[in-house]
Protein backbone atom coordinates (compact mmCIF):
# COMPACT_ATOMS: atom_id res chain seq x y z
CA MET A 1 22.04 2.76 -63.45
CA PRO A 2 20.50 1.56 -60.41
CA PRO A 3 21.93 3.53 -57.39
CA ASP A 4 24.79 1.21 -55.51
CA ASP A 5 22.61 0.04 -52.67
CA ALA A 6 20.18 -1.76 -54.49
CA ARG A 7 23.22 -3.56 -56.08
CA LEU A 8 24.33 -5.12 -53.05
CA PRO A 9 23.09 -8.22 -51.59
CA ARG A 10 19.95 -8.51 -49.84
CA PRO A 11 21.15 -9.72 -46.11
CA THR A 12 20.04 -13.22 -45.13
CA LEU A 13 17.20 -14.07 -42.24
CA ILE A 14 20.34 -15.69 -40.87
CA ASP A 15 22.64 -12.88 -41.19
CA LEU A 16 19.97 -9.66 -39.85
CA LEU A 17 18.91 -12.14 -37.10
CA ALA A 18 22.78 -12.62 -36.22
CA GLU A 19 23.09 -8.69 -36.52
CA ALA A 20 20.11 -8.16 -34.01
CA VAL A 21 21.58 -10.55 -31.21
CA ALA A 22 24.76 -8.91 -31.64
CA LEU A 23 23.40 -5.19 -31.15
CA HIS A 24 21.19 -6.50 -28.39
CA ARG A 25 23.68 -8.13 -26.35
CA ALA A 26 26.14 -4.89 -27.00
CA GLY A 27 22.81 -2.35 -25.54
CA ASP A 28 22.08 -0.71 -28.74
CA LEU A 29 18.47 -1.50 -28.30
CA VAL A 30 16.91 0.51 -30.66
CA ALA A 31 18.81 -1.05 -33.83
CA ALA A 32 18.53 -4.23 -32.27
CA GLU A 33 14.45 -3.99 -32.35
CA GLN A 34 14.26 -2.86 -35.92
CA ARG A 35 16.34 -6.16 -36.98
CA TYR A 36 14.44 -7.96 -34.97
CA HIS A 37 11.25 -6.49 -36.83
CA ALA A 38 12.91 -7.17 -40.35
CA VAL A 39 13.33 -10.26 -39.56
CA LEU A 40 9.42 -10.89 -38.89
CA ASP A 41 8.35 -8.96 -41.36
CA ARG A 42 10.36 -11.69 -43.50
CA GLU A 43 9.37 -14.73 -41.04
CA PRO A 44 6.54 -13.70 -38.33
CA GLU A 45 6.73 -17.09 -37.15
CA GLN A 46 10.40 -16.84 -36.26
CA SER A 47 11.16 -18.23 -32.92
CA LEU A 48 14.12 -16.73 -31.90
CA ALA A 49 13.04 -13.38 -33.22
CA LEU A 50 10.42 -13.49 -30.93
CA HIS A 51 12.35 -14.74 -28.15
CA MET A 52 14.63 -12.39 -27.96
CA LEU A 53 12.38 -8.78 -29.04
CA GLY A 54 9.75 -10.27 -26.26
CA ALA A 55 12.83 -9.69 -24.06
CA LEU A 56 13.81 -6.80 -25.31
CA CYS A 57 10.25 -5.40 -24.96
CA LEU A 58 10.27 -6.44 -21.29
CA THR A 59 13.58 -5.05 -20.81
CA THR A 60 12.41 -1.82 -22.10
CA GLY A 61 9.20 -1.43 -19.81
CA ARG A 62 6.38 -2.79 -22.29
CA ALA A 63 5.50 -5.68 -20.51
CA THR A 64 2.14 -6.06 -22.50
CA ALA A 65 3.81 -5.79 -25.83
CA ALA A 66 6.47 -9.29 -24.39
CA VAL A 67 4.02 -11.48 -23.84
CA PRO A 68 2.24 -12.20 -26.88
CA LEU A 69 5.89 -12.40 -28.43
CA LEU A 70 6.81 -14.69 -25.45
CA GLU A 71 3.60 -16.87 -26.03
CA ALA A 72 3.88 -16.92 -29.79
CA ALA A 73 7.77 -17.86 -29.62
CA LEU A 74 6.53 -20.92 -27.62
CA ARG A 75 4.78 -22.43 -30.63
CA ASP A 76 8.68 -23.76 -31.19
CA ARG A 77 10.86 -23.53 -28.49
CA ALA A 78 8.50 -24.89 -25.82
CA GLY A 79 11.11 -26.82 -24.24
CA HIS A 80 12.93 -23.59 -23.66
CA ALA A 81 13.64 -23.01 -19.73
CA GLY A 82 14.85 -19.55 -19.93
CA LEU A 83 11.88 -18.97 -22.66
CA TRP A 84 9.25 -19.77 -19.89
CA ALA A 85 11.04 -17.48 -16.87
CA THR A 86 11.43 -14.49 -19.50
CA LEU A 87 7.40 -14.95 -19.78
CA ALA A 88 6.89 -15.79 -16.02
CA LEU A 89 8.46 -11.92 -15.57
CA ALA A 90 6.69 -10.35 -18.50
CA ARG A 91 3.25 -11.55 -17.59
CA LEU A 92 4.08 -10.31 -13.74
CA ALA A 93 5.35 -6.96 -14.89
CA LYS A 94 2.00 -6.90 -17.17
CA GLY A 95 -0.31 -7.54 -13.57
CA ALA A 96 -0.88 -10.79 -14.24
CA PRO A 97 0.98 -12.94 -10.79
CA ALA A 98 -0.99 -16.31 -10.85
CA GLU A 99 -0.05 -16.10 -14.83
CA ALA A 100 3.60 -15.72 -14.04
CA LEU A 101 3.82 -18.66 -11.00
CA THR A 102 2.59 -20.68 -13.82
CA ALA A 103 5.16 -19.97 -16.34
CA ALA A 104 7.75 -19.67 -13.82
CA ARG A 105 6.86 -23.64 -12.53
CA GLN A 106 7.09 -25.35 -16.06
CA ALA A 107 10.77 -23.29 -16.71
CA ILE A 108 11.90 -24.90 -12.93
CA ARG A 109 10.25 -28.20 -14.44
CA LEU A 110 12.55 -27.78 -17.38
CA ALA A 111 15.59 -26.37 -14.93
CA PRO A 112 15.59 -27.63 -11.65
CA ASP A 113 18.51 -25.89 -10.99
CA ALA A 114 18.94 -22.83 -12.77
CA ALA A 115 18.52 -19.59 -10.98
CA GLU A 116 16.15 -17.38 -12.97
CA PRO A 117 13.59 -19.66 -12.80
CA ARG A 118 13.27 -19.27 -9.29
CA PHE A 119 13.72 -15.98 -9.24
CA ALA A 120 10.68 -15.76 -11.28
CA GLU A 121 8.53 -18.14 -9.19
CA GLY A 122 10.31 -16.39 -6.15
CA ALA A 123 8.72 -13.08 -7.46
CA SER A 124 5.90 -14.09 -8.10
CA LEU A 125 5.07 -15.51 -5.01
CA ARG A 126 5.46 -12.29 -3.35
CA ALA A 127 2.99 -10.22 -6.08
CA LEU A 128 0.50 -13.08 -5.05
CA HIS A 129 1.60 -12.64 -0.92
CA ARG A 130 3.01 -15.46 -0.27
CA ALA A 131 5.85 -14.17 1.13
CA ARG A 132 7.31 -17.09 3.29
CA GLU A 133 7.17 -19.40 -0.04
CA ALA A 134 9.10 -16.30 -1.93
CA VAL A 135 11.52 -16.12 0.76
CA THR A 136 12.20 -19.76 0.01
CA ALA A 137 12.44 -19.51 -4.08
CA LEU A 138 14.11 -16.80 -3.38
CA ARG A 139 16.72 -17.88 -1.20
CA ALA A 140 17.21 -21.20 -4.51
CA ALA A 141 17.87 -19.01 -6.62
CA ILE A 142 20.75 -17.15 -4.93
CA ALA A 143 22.17 -20.65 -4.26
CA ALA A 144 22.18 -21.26 -7.51
CA ALA A 145 23.91 -17.73 -8.72
CA PRO A 146 24.98 -15.66 -5.74
CA GLY A 147 25.79 -12.89 -7.69
CA HIS A 148 22.26 -12.32 -9.14
CA ALA A 149 21.27 -8.58 -7.37
CA ALA A 150 17.92 -9.08 -8.51
CA ALA A 151 16.94 -12.24 -6.43
CA HIS A 152 18.68 -10.00 -3.40
CA LEU A 153 16.40 -7.37 -4.10
CA ALA A 154 13.65 -9.32 -4.40
CA LEU A 155 14.69 -11.46 -0.98
CA GLY A 156 14.99 -8.29 0.84
CA ASN A 157 11.51 -7.37 0.20
CA ALA A 158 9.84 -10.80 1.01
CA LEU A 159 11.64 -10.92 4.19
CA LEU A 160 10.30 -7.44 4.88
CA ASP A 161 6.82 -8.57 3.90
CA THR A 162 7.91 -11.10 6.53
CA GLY A 163 8.23 -8.59 8.93
CA ALA A 164 12.23 -9.42 9.13
CA PRO A 165 13.37 -5.84 8.69
CA ASP A 166 16.77 -6.48 9.69
CA SER A 167 17.46 -9.65 7.30
CA GLY A 168 15.15 -7.61 4.77
CA GLU A 169 17.51 -4.68 5.17
CA ALA A 170 20.91 -6.90 4.93
CA ALA A 171 19.25 -8.47 1.38
CA LEU A 172 18.63 -5.29 0.05
CA ARG A 173 22.88 -3.95 0.75
CA GLN A 174 23.38 -7.14 -0.89
CA ALA A 175 21.77 -6.22 -4.21
CA LEU A 176 23.05 -2.56 -3.98
CA THR A 177 26.38 -4.05 -3.44
CA LEU A 178 26.83 -6.51 -6.69
CA ASP A 179 25.02 -3.86 -8.37
CA PRO A 180 25.44 -0.24 -7.16
CA GLY A 181 23.20 1.29 -10.28
CA LEU A 182 20.05 -0.33 -9.25
CA ALA A 183 17.85 2.46 -8.57
CA GLU A 184 14.63 -0.33 -7.46
CA GLY A 185 16.74 -1.49 -4.79
CA TRP A 186 17.61 2.33 -3.49
CA ALA A 187 13.91 3.13 -3.80
CA SER A 188 13.19 -0.36 -1.88
CA LEU A 189 16.04 0.28 0.66
CA GLY A 190 14.37 3.72 1.22
CA CYS A 191 11.09 2.30 2.21
CA ALA A 192 12.70 -0.54 4.43
CA LEU A 193 14.39 2.71 5.97
CA ALA A 194 11.36 4.68 6.28
CA ASP A 195 9.44 1.41 8.31
CA ALA A 196 12.42 1.44 10.48
CA GLY A 197 11.66 5.17 11.37
CA ARG A 198 14.92 5.87 9.72
CA PRO A 199 13.47 8.38 7.77
CA ASP A 200 16.44 10.73 7.26
CA GLU A 201 18.68 7.77 6.09
CA ALA A 202 15.32 6.65 3.57
CA ILE A 203 15.29 9.72 1.88
CA ALA A 204 19.33 9.39 1.13
CA ALA A 205 18.50 5.99 -0.58
CA CYS A 206 15.29 7.34 -2.29
CA ASP A 207 17.82 10.31 -3.51
CA THR A 208 20.07 7.94 -4.91
CA ALA A 209 17.48 6.08 -6.83
CA ILE A 210 15.85 8.87 -8.48
CA ARG A 211 19.40 10.44 -9.55
CA LEU A 212 19.95 7.09 -11.37
CA ARG A 213 16.56 7.69 -12.42
CA PRO A 214 14.74 10.79 -12.57
CA ASP A 215 11.29 9.88 -13.13
CA PHE A 216 11.04 6.21 -11.08
CA ALA A 217 8.10 7.03 -9.62
CA GLU A 218 7.91 4.37 -6.88
CA ALA A 219 11.45 6.63 -5.62
CA HIS A 220 9.60 9.82 -5.35
CA TRP A 221 6.81 7.92 -3.73
CA ASN A 222 8.84 6.64 -1.33
CA ARG A 223 10.83 9.65 -0.69
CA GLY A 224 7.48 11.51 -0.38
CA VAL A 225 6.13 9.20 2.36
CA ALA A 226 9.76 9.30 4.32
CA HIS A 227 9.66 13.19 4.50
CA LEU A 228 5.89 12.82 5.77
CA LEU A 229 6.93 10.41 8.31
CA ALA A 230 9.28 12.88 9.07
CA GLY A 231 7.22 16.03 9.82
CA ASP A 232 8.11 17.68 6.38
CA PHE A 233 5.08 18.32 4.74
CA ALA A 234 5.92 21.14 2.00
CA ARG A 235 8.09 17.92 0.42
CA GLY A 236 6.51 15.34 1.47
CA TRP A 237 3.19 16.19 0.04
CA GLN A 238 5.23 17.22 -3.15
CA ASP A 239 6.48 13.94 -3.74
CA TYR A 240 3.36 12.54 -2.85
CA GLU A 241 1.84 13.15 -5.97
CA TRP A 242 4.12 10.52 -7.68
CA ARG A 243 1.08 7.74 -6.08
CA LYS A 244 -0.37 8.33 -9.42
CA ARG A 245 2.42 7.75 -11.74
CA HIS A 246 3.46 4.39 -9.95
CA PRO A 247 2.55 1.50 -12.50
CA ARG A 248 0.78 -0.40 -10.07
CA HIS A 249 -1.45 1.92 -8.58
CA ALA A 250 -2.15 4.42 -12.21
CA ALA A 251 -4.89 2.86 -13.31
CA ALA A 252 -6.80 3.83 -9.82
CA PHE A 253 -6.67 7.40 -10.85
CA ARG A 254 -9.11 8.82 -13.01
CA ARG A 255 -8.70 12.11 -15.45
CA LEU A 256 -11.78 13.65 -16.11
CA PRO A 257 -12.78 15.66 -19.10
CA THR A 258 -13.28 18.65 -17.09
CA ARG A 259 -10.45 20.53 -15.70
CA GLU A 260 -8.21 19.29 -12.37
CA TRP A 261 -8.12 21.54 -9.33
CA GLN A 262 -4.88 23.25 -9.46
CA GLY A 263 -5.18 25.65 -6.45
CA GLU A 264 -7.09 28.38 -8.47
CA THR A 265 -9.73 30.28 -6.76
CA LEU A 266 -12.99 28.42 -6.18
CA GLU A 267 -15.25 30.77 -5.49
CA GLY A 268 -18.68 30.09 -7.59
CA HIS A 269 -17.58 26.78 -8.88
CA ARG A 270 -18.30 22.76 -8.67
CA LEU A 271 -15.92 20.88 -7.46
CA LEU A 272 -15.67 17.09 -7.37
CA VAL A 273 -13.49 16.06 -5.00
CA LEU A 274 -12.96 12.09 -5.86
CA ALA A 275 -11.74 9.90 -2.66
CA GLU A 276 -8.87 7.53 -3.01
CA GLN A 277 -7.09 4.85 -1.65
CA GLY A 278 -8.67 2.98 1.55
CA LEU A 279 -11.86 4.10 3.53
CA GLY A 280 -9.36 5.18 6.14
CA ASP A 281 -7.74 7.56 4.00
CA ALA A 282 -11.22 8.87 2.86
CA ILE A 283 -12.63 9.29 6.36
CA GLN A 284 -9.06 11.37 7.30
CA PHE A 285 -9.14 13.29 4.50
CA ALA A 286 -12.97 14.38 4.33
CA ARG A 287 -11.75 16.74 6.80
CA PHE A 288 -10.97 19.34 4.04
CA VAL A 289 -14.21 19.49 2.66
CA PRO A 290 -15.38 22.34 5.17
CA GLU A 291 -12.71 24.52 4.07
CA LEU A 292 -12.81 24.32 0.28
CA ALA A 293 -16.68 25.19 0.53
CA ALA A 294 -15.46 28.26 3.14
CA ARG A 295 -13.37 29.19 -0.30
CA GLY A 296 -16.57 29.46 -2.07
CA ALA A 297 -16.99 26.04 -3.38
CA ALA A 298 -19.79 23.81 -3.96
CA VAL A 299 -18.03 20.61 -2.76
CA LEU A 300 -19.26 17.65 -4.23
CA LEU A 301 -17.55 14.11 -2.67
CA ALA A 302 -17.61 10.59 -4.76
CA CYS A 303 -16.57 7.85 -2.32
CA ALA A 304 -17.02 4.12 -1.45
CA THR A 305 -20.69 3.04 -0.87
CA PRO A 306 -20.09 2.19 2.52
CA LEU A 307 -19.03 5.68 3.52
CA LEU A 308 -22.18 7.77 1.73
CA GLY A 309 -24.35 7.36 4.70
CA LEU A 310 -21.72 8.89 6.75
CA LEU A 311 -19.81 11.49 5.08
CA ASP A 312 -23.24 12.95 3.66
CA ALA A 313 -22.86 14.37 7.42
CA LEU A 314 -20.04 16.76 6.54
CA PRO A 315 -20.06 20.06 6.94
CA GLY A 316 -20.23 22.00 4.33
CA LEU A 317 -21.17 19.37 1.25
CA ALA A 318 -23.45 20.42 -1.00
CA GLY A 319 -23.89 16.51 -2.44
CA ILE A 320 -21.91 13.18 -2.47
CA THR A 321 -22.00 10.35 -5.57
CA ASP A 322 -21.02 6.83 -5.35
CA ARG A 323 -17.16 6.92 -6.57
CA ALA A 324 -18.42 3.91 -8.83
CA ALA A 325 -21.06 6.01 -10.57
CA ALA A 326 -20.99 8.45 -13.52
CA PRO A 327 -19.58 11.71 -11.81
CA PRO A 328 -21.95 14.39 -11.48
CA PRO A 329 -22.06 17.85 -13.29
CA HIS A 330 -19.14 20.09 -12.31
CA ASP A 331 -16.70 22.50 -13.48
CA LEU A 332 -13.38 21.30 -11.63
CA TRP A 333 -12.09 18.26 -9.97
CA VAL A 334 -9.31 16.81 -7.75
CA ASP A 335 -8.04 13.87 -5.89
CA GLN A 336 -8.74 14.14 -2.34
CA MET A 337 -5.48 13.23 -1.28
CA SER A 338 -3.64 16.34 -3.21
CA LEU A 339 -5.77 18.60 -1.28
CA PRO A 340 -3.31 18.83 1.32
CA ARG A 341 -0.49 19.88 -1.01
CA LEU A 342 -2.89 22.25 -2.78
CA LEU A 343 -3.67 23.71 0.59
CA GLY A 344 -0.59 23.99 1.94
CA THR A 345 -1.39 21.92 5.28
CA ARG A 346 1.55 22.09 7.42
CA PRO A 347 1.14 19.74 11.16
CA ALA A 348 0.25 22.75 13.26
CA THR A 349 -2.49 23.80 10.50
CA ILE A 350 -4.28 20.58 9.91
CA PRO A 351 -7.72 21.49 10.21
CA GLY A 352 -10.73 19.44 12.13
CA ALA A 353 -8.03 18.01 14.43
CA ALA A 354 -10.81 18.49 17.43
CA GLY A 355 -13.56 16.63 15.32
CA TYR A 356 -15.30 17.23 11.85
CA LEU A 357 -18.15 14.41 11.50
CA PRO A 358 -21.31 15.47 14.01
CA CYS A 359 -21.01 12.91 17.12
CA PRO A 360 -24.41 13.29 19.17
CA ARG A 361 -22.90 11.37 22.22
CA ARG A 362 -25.57 9.53 23.74
CA ARG A 363 -24.79 6.91 26.60
CA SER A 364 -26.21 3.33 26.52
CA GLY A 365 -26.71 2.25 30.10
CA PRO A 366 -24.11 2.29 33.01
CA GLY A 367 -20.39 1.37 33.43
CA ARG A 368 -17.97 2.45 31.15
CA ARG A 369 -18.15 0.93 27.59
CA ILE A 370 -14.99 0.44 25.37
CA GLY A 371 -14.83 -0.60 21.67
CA LEU A 372 -12.54 -2.69 20.31
CA VAL A 373 -11.21 -3.53 17.37
CA TRP A 374 -8.13 -5.45 16.42
CA ALA A 375 -8.15 -6.23 12.78
CA GLY A 376 -7.76 -4.41 9.26
CA ASN A 377 -8.50 -5.64 5.91
CA PRO A 378 -6.76 -9.09 5.02
CA LEU A 379 -5.97 -7.62 1.18
CA HIS A 380 -4.96 -4.57 2.98
CA SER A 381 -0.87 -5.03 1.88
CA ASN A 382 0.47 -4.24 5.44
CA ASP A 383 -2.61 -6.29 7.49
CA ALA A 384 -0.19 -8.60 8.96
CA ARG A 385 2.00 -6.26 10.51
CA ARG A 386 -1.00 -3.88 11.62
CA SER A 387 -3.74 -6.42 13.06
CA VAL A 388 -3.11 -7.56 16.46
CA PRO A 389 -3.88 -11.17 17.35
CA LEU A 390 -6.75 -11.05 19.64
CA ALA A 391 -5.19 -13.76 21.54
CA ALA A 392 -2.53 -11.02 22.71
CA LEU A 393 -5.41 -8.70 23.61
CA ALA A 394 -6.59 -11.55 26.37
CA PRO A 395 -4.91 -9.43 29.40
CA LEU A 396 -6.49 -6.10 28.61
CA LEU A 397 -10.17 -7.64 28.53
CA ALA A 398 -9.51 -9.06 31.82
CA GLU A 399 -9.04 -5.45 33.01
CA ALA A 400 -13.14 -5.22 33.47
CA ASP A 401 -12.98 -7.37 36.84
CA LEU A 402 -9.44 -7.41 38.41
CA ALA A 403 -9.87 -9.48 42.05
CA PRO A 404 -13.18 -10.66 44.30
CA GLY A 405 -14.27 -7.39 45.45
CA LEU A 406 -12.64 -4.89 43.07
CA THR A 407 -13.90 -3.84 39.41
CA ARG A 408 -12.92 -1.28 36.86
CA ASP A 409 -16.96 -1.31 35.97
CA LEU A 410 -16.00 -1.74 32.40
CA SER A 411 -17.24 -3.52 29.21
CA TRP A 412 -16.30 -4.21 25.95
CA VAL A 413 -17.85 -3.58 22.86
CA SER A 414 -16.81 -5.23 19.30
CA LEU A 415 -16.59 -2.76 16.42
CA GLN A 416 -14.82 -5.89 14.35
CA HIS A 417 -15.88 -5.48 10.71
CA GLY A 418 -15.30 -8.35 7.82
CA PRO A 419 -14.39 -11.89 8.56
CA ARG A 420 -12.49 -11.58 11.85
CA GLY A 421 -15.35 -10.21 13.79
CA ALA A 422 -16.26 -14.00 14.44
CA GLU A 423 -13.31 -14.40 16.73
CA GLY A 424 -14.51 -12.00 19.66
CA ALA A 425 -17.38 -14.88 20.11
CA GLY A 426 -14.87 -16.64 22.23
CA HIS A 427 -13.97 -13.81 24.37
CA GLY A 428 -17.48 -12.49 24.70
CA LEU A 429 -17.20 -9.79 22.21
CA PRO A 430 -20.13 -10.87 19.62
CA ALA A 431 -19.98 -9.91 16.17
CA PRO A 432 -21.95 -6.35 15.43
CA ASP A 433 -24.23 -5.90 12.85
CA LEU A 434 -22.74 -3.35 10.97
CA PRO A 435 -23.86 -2.64 7.28
CA ASP A 436 -21.85 0.57 6.66
CA PHE A 437 -19.96 3.04 8.63
CA ALA A 438 -23.31 5.28 10.03
CA ALA A 439 -24.33 2.12 11.66
CA THR A 440 -20.70 2.26 13.21
CA ALA A 441 -21.07 5.99 14.03
CA ALA A 442 -23.57 5.39 15.44
CA LEU A 443 -22.29 2.64 18.10
CA VAL A 444 -19.30 4.72 18.56
CA ALA A 445 -21.04 7.67 19.91
CA GLY A 446 -22.39 5.81 22.98
CA LEU A 447 -18.94 4.83 23.68
CA ASP A 448 -16.73 6.17 26.27
CA LEU A 449 -13.40 5.29 24.31
CA VAL A 450 -12.21 3.45 21.44
CA ILE A 451 -9.24 1.09 21.68
CA ALA A 452 -8.34 -0.14 17.88
CA ALA A 453 -5.71 -1.30 15.08
CA ASP A 454 -4.80 1.14 12.33
CA THR A 455 -8.36 0.63 10.67
CA SER A 456 -10.92 2.74 9.01
CA THR A 457 -12.47 2.17 12.70
CA ALA A 458 -10.13 4.30 14.54
CA HIS A 459 -10.06 7.38 12.06
CA LEU A 460 -14.36 7.13 12.35
CA ALA A 461 -13.57 7.79 16.47
CA GLY A 462 -11.04 10.20 15.41
CA ALA A 463 -12.83 12.35 13.15
CA MET A 464 -16.20 12.40 15.69
CA GLY A 465 -13.56 13.26 18.35
CA VAL A 466 -14.66 10.43 20.46
CA PRO A 467 -11.76 8.96 22.75
CA VAL A 468 -9.32 6.77 20.61
CA TRP A 469 -6.33 4.72 21.55
CA LEU A 470 -4.20 3.44 18.51
CA MET A 471 -2.36 -0.22 18.71
CA LEU A 472 0.76 0.33 16.04
CA PRO A 473 3.34 -1.26 14.47
CA HIS A 474 7.00 -0.90 14.80
CA ALA A 475 6.65 0.31 11.52
CA PRO A 476 3.96 2.52 11.31
CA ASP A 477 2.17 4.14 8.65
CA TRP A 478 3.34 7.39 7.69
CA ARG A 479 0.42 9.36 9.31
CA TRP A 480 1.59 8.46 12.47
CA MET A 481 5.14 10.08 12.04
CA THR A 482 7.70 8.72 14.68
CA GLY A 483 8.42 9.32 18.33
CA ARG A 484 5.12 10.78 19.40
CA ALA A 485 2.39 9.56 21.34
CA ASP A 486 0.00 11.89 19.80
CA THR A 487 -0.74 12.78 16.69
CA PRO A 488 -1.90 16.60 14.65
CA TRP A 489 -4.05 14.97 12.58
CA TYR A 490 -6.80 13.64 15.88
CA ALA A 491 -6.95 15.51 19.02
CA SER A 492 -8.88 13.16 20.78
CA MET A 493 -6.62 10.12 19.98
CA ARG A 494 -3.61 8.63 21.87
CA LEU A 495 -0.74 6.33 19.99
CA PHE A 496 0.84 3.07 21.91
CA ARG A 497 3.63 2.04 19.40
CA GLN A 498 5.27 -1.30 19.68
CA PRO A 499 8.82 -1.47 21.64
CA ALA A 500 10.28 -3.71 19.02
CA PRO A 501 8.69 -5.63 15.80
CA GLY A 502 5.77 -8.04 16.32
CA ASP A 503 5.66 -6.81 19.90
CA TRP A 504 1.66 -6.10 21.02
CA ASN A 505 2.39 -7.83 24.46
CA GLY A 506 4.63 -4.41 24.84
CA VAL A 507 1.42 -2.64 23.53
CA VAL A 508 -1.36 -4.21 25.45
CA ALA A 509 0.74 -4.18 28.91
CA ALA A 510 1.08 0.08 27.79
CA LEU A 511 -2.70 -0.06 27.55
CA GLY A 512 -3.73 -2.16 30.51
CA ALA A 513 -1.30 0.82 32.47
CA ALA A 514 -3.33 3.74 30.90
CA LEU A 515 -6.36 1.87 31.58
CA ALA A 516 -5.71 1.45 34.91
CA ALA A 517 -5.25 5.06 35.25
CA ARG A 518 -7.93 6.26 33.64
CA TYR A 519 -10.44 3.56 35.33
CA PRO A 520 -9.48 3.84 38.73
CA THR A 521 -10.55 0.34 40.70
CA ARG A 522 -13.40 0.71 42.35
CA SER A 523 -15.32 -1.84 45.43
CA ARG A 524 -17.69 -4.07 43.63
CA PRO A 525 -21.63 -3.32 44.85
CA ALA A 526 -22.35 -5.80 47.27
CA SER A 527 -25.06 -8.57 46.13
CA HIS A 528 -27.95 -9.03 48.41
CA GLY A 529 -29.99 -12.11 48.46
CA ARG A 530 -33.49 -12.60 49.29
């Protein structure tokens, strides 16, 4: 006799699909996925099963698997606006925002008044750094569905991107009112509160996100930033390790086949230090090389090409290589920004604050020469806030000659790299020829003072021990902490903070007063005609 289950009728394809959808809606995703696969085993092109399985994969964080399923479903469901919107979100999660925007706009053409296509459009635009357009799209999504918590969350983040902190925070809080279990909302609120200089509140918000989702890398990283902003390095460096697990940044971290250094003895070992993140970060954290060498390591540094000629001069460095090249022979490796955690660094024990890059100071003519850099890399996520419009600095540039018969005997020197260097020509600041950081260092060595936006050049001047005045936005990077005009990272650096978001005029006024105190007026030398 055959077993009892062999005599049962085989479920029809429609029955299997209906059961899968019911399980999916009930939240039993494992069982639902099994049923979708059973349907597709029988009929591989069943479009509803492809659509729903793709949506399920997206929900469970498998965007790479979701995209081809959703694209295959379009063969029979090309007129389905919801499918296009889901595909847009899957492409976005996979890291393809331009393709996501294309899908979102196809969904809008099919359903112009629906919320989800507008939400997908707004999220895609924000990922493309088109924050103002994103705000418009997300407000349209909320108008169509006022209870759409994810749209309020995305709107909050987009508003923060545009430099509207109060409106951004309000939108994030509205998202959390609608859905208190939205871990992403709490993590974003933590970031916004840290930006507002409220680290204790930021930490509490991130704690809530982590309680909701213990392995949420972005929440841990945001909490680490808040701790560092508050000067709590012990907790901050620990949480900062989660940067390596952030889905947008994890791919930038290499895991080499050799052993990662975890703080054990270095005596007699070749340690490869892998520079990471921006050029300024690599300069700032190069200060730890001498300490590693003092512990007995032969220290090798892998960094970006423009830094090779500069960091080659680091005391204690046994070798330097391009970050993009094959790693040189070594015994151990470590990510550069993990060094403070491994070395137990605290604000009072930061090494090299007085300068750690060789700086043969040289005079280059009479008068006081001041270097100026007003803008950073335009691709940096915070560049719109940290870069200073050159026009705002016009009152500062006028400090060289104040009135007939009076002068401060100042001359300005552009240190501005990149495309914005050409802006200086109209202010008597021709773009410099600086092919790499070694060339920039040679120019900085002959200056009395550097005034800079938060850029790699500011780190360079501080690392050389050259006086540097740093212009900071109201929401500064974590390393500058809060409520202080100095920094433990660089003894020669003085901080000039925006008194309110976007207020560069206040910064320039403070810089002008500081220049007047540092360089009092002199009588202009008389000119003698023939």
